[in-house]
Amino acid sequence: MDTGFLAASTNATRATAAGHSPARHITKIPWSLSASARVIWPVIQYVFGCVISAINSNGLTALQH
């Protein structure tokens, strides 16, 4: 578990205890989006890096031949 999840669940617990359950639902959606973006973005960067390096290596070998 990362600290972002712990902080979000702590804030949600405080909001529920204070009786602000709608605010908890509103803040929960952007947090889940940012959490999934944190997981997906490195994967996207890795895939693009592989594609770009493959194009570069193919282009270099094509120029050499």
C-alpha atoms as a PDB file:
ATOM      1  CA  MET A   1       0.000   0.000   0.000  1.00  0.00           C
ATOM      2  CA  ASP A   2       1.359   3.420  -0.862  1.00  0.00           C
ATOM      3  CA  THR A   3       0.933   6.503   1.296  1.00  0.00           C
ATOM      4  CA  GLY A   4      -1.562   8.036  -1.139  1.00  0.00           C
ATOM      5  CA  PHE A   5      -4.018   5.228  -0.474  1.00  0.00           C
ATOM      6  CA  LEU A   6      -3.546   5.503   3.286  1.00  0.00           C
ATOM      7  CA  ALA A   7      -4.058   9.267   3.190  1.00  0.00           C
ATOM      8  CA  ALA A   8      -7.162   8.918   1.004  1.00  0.00           C
ATOM      9  CA  SER A   9      -8.719   6.283   3.261  1.00  0.00           C
ATOM     10  CA  THR A  10      -7.880   8.375   6.345  1.00  0.00           C
ATOM     11  CA  ASN A  11      -9.494  11.449   4.782  1.00  0.00           C
ATOM     12  CA  ALA A  12     -12.530   9.382   3.773  1.00  0.00           C
ATOM     13  CA  THR A  13     -12.851   8.057   7.328  1.00  0.00           C
ATOM     14  CA  ARG A  14     -12.644  11.590   8.745  1.00  0.00           C
ATOM     15  CA  ALA A  15     -15.221  12.855   6.240  1.00  0.00           C
ATOM     16  CA  THR A  16     -17.602  10.022   7.118  1.00  0.00           C
ATOM     17  CA  ALA A  17     -17.150  10.645  10.847  1.00  0.00           C
ATOM     18  CA  ALA A  18     -17.903  14.334  10.290  1.00  0.00           C
ATOM     19  CA  GLY A  19     -21.000  13.421   8.285  1.00  0.00           C
ATOM     20  CA  HIS A  20     -19.704  14.631   4.894  1.00  0.00           C
ATOM     21  CA  SER A  21     -20.329  11.437   2.938  1.00  0.00           C
ATOM     22  CA  PRO A  22     -21.087  13.212  -0.417  1.00  0.00           C
ATOM     23  CA  ALA A  23     -17.679  14.915  -0.264  1.00  0.00           C
ATOM     24  CA  ARG A  24     -16.083  11.524   0.285  1.00  0.00           C
ATOM     25  CA  HIS A  25     -17.694  10.165  -2.879  1.00  0.00           C
ATOM     26  CA  ILE A  26     -16.597  13.226  -4.869  1.00  0.00           C
ATOM     27  CA  THR A  27     -12.963  13.035  -3.711  1.00  0.00           C
ATOM     28  CA  LYS A  28     -12.853   9.274  -4.168  1.00  0.00           C
ATOM     29  CA  ILE A  29     -13.323   9.376  -7.961  1.00  0.00           C
ATOM     30  CA  PRO A  30     -10.398  11.713  -8.898  1.00  0.00           C
ATOM     31  CA  TRP A  31      -8.143   9.827  -6.487  1.00  0.00           C
ATOM     32  CA  SER A  32      -8.904   6.491  -8.131  1.00  0.00           C
ATOM     33  CA  LEU A  33      -8.231   8.062 -11.542  1.00  0.00           C
ATOM     34  CA  SER A  34      -4.887   9.464 -10.401  1.00  0.00           C
ATOM     35  CA  ALA A  35      -3.983   6.132  -8.784  1.00  0.00           C
ATOM     36  CA  SER A  36      -4.697   4.219 -11.985  1.00  0.00           C
ATOM     37  CA  ALA A  37      -2.800   6.871 -13.968  1.00  0.00           C
ATOM     38  CA  ARG A  38       0.192   6.378 -11.660  1.00  0.00           C
ATOM     39  CA  VAL A  39       0.115   2.670 -12.497  1.00  0.00           C
ATOM     40  CA  ILE A  40      -0.639   2.959 -16.219  1.00  0.00           C
ATOM     41  CA  TRP A  41       1.659   5.858 -17.162  1.00  0.00           C
ATOM     42  CA  PRO A  42       4.989   3.998 -16.587  1.00  0.00           C
ATOM     43  CA  VAL A  43       3.607   1.108 -18.660  1.00  0.00           C
ATOM     44  CA  ILE A  44       2.705   3.500 -21.490  1.00  0.00           C
ATOM     45  CA  GLN A  45       6.162   5.092 -21.303  1.00  0.00           C
ATOM     46  CA  TYR A  46       7.799   1.657 -21.400  1.00  0.00           C
ATOM     47  CA  VAL A  47       5.756   0.569 -24.428  1.00  0.00           C
ATOM     48  CA  PHE A  48       6.495   3.800 -26.293  1.00  0.00           C
ATOM     49  CA  GLY A  49      10.168   3.451 -25.393  1.00  0.00           C
ATOM     50  CA  CYS A  50      10.260  -0.066 -26.836  1.00  0.00           C
ATOM     51  CA  VAL A  51       8.465   1.037 -30.018  1.00  0.00           C
ATOM     52  CA  ILE A  52      10.739   4.045 -30.509  1.00  0.00           C
ATOM     53  CA  SER A  53      13.911   2.024 -29.897  1.00  0.00           C
ATOM     54  CA  ALA A  54      12.668  -0.666 -32.305  1.00  0.00           C
ATOM     55  CA  ILE A  55      12.022   1.975 -34.981  1.00  0.00           C
ATOM     56  CA  ASN A  56      15.425   3.549 -34.331  1.00  0.00           C
ATOM     57  CA  SER A  57      17.291   0.232 -34.529  1.00  0.00           C
ATOM     58  CA  ASN A  58      15.388  -0.775 -37.677  1.00  0.00           C
ATOM     59  CA  GLY A  59      16.048   2.616 -39.240  1.00  0.00           C
ATOM     60  CA  LEU A  60      19.771   2.407 -38.446  1.00  0.00           C
ATOM     61  CA  THR A  61      20.092  -1.103 -39.874  1.00  0.00           C
ATOM     62  CA  ALA A  62      18.133  -0.037 -42.963  1.00  0.00           C
ATOM     63  CA  LEU A  63      20.523   2.889 -43.475  1.00  0.00           C
ATOM     64  CA  GLN A  64      23.577   0.670 -43.008  1.00  0.00           C
ATOM     65  CA  HIS A  65      22.340  -1.766 -45.667  1.00  0.00           C
END
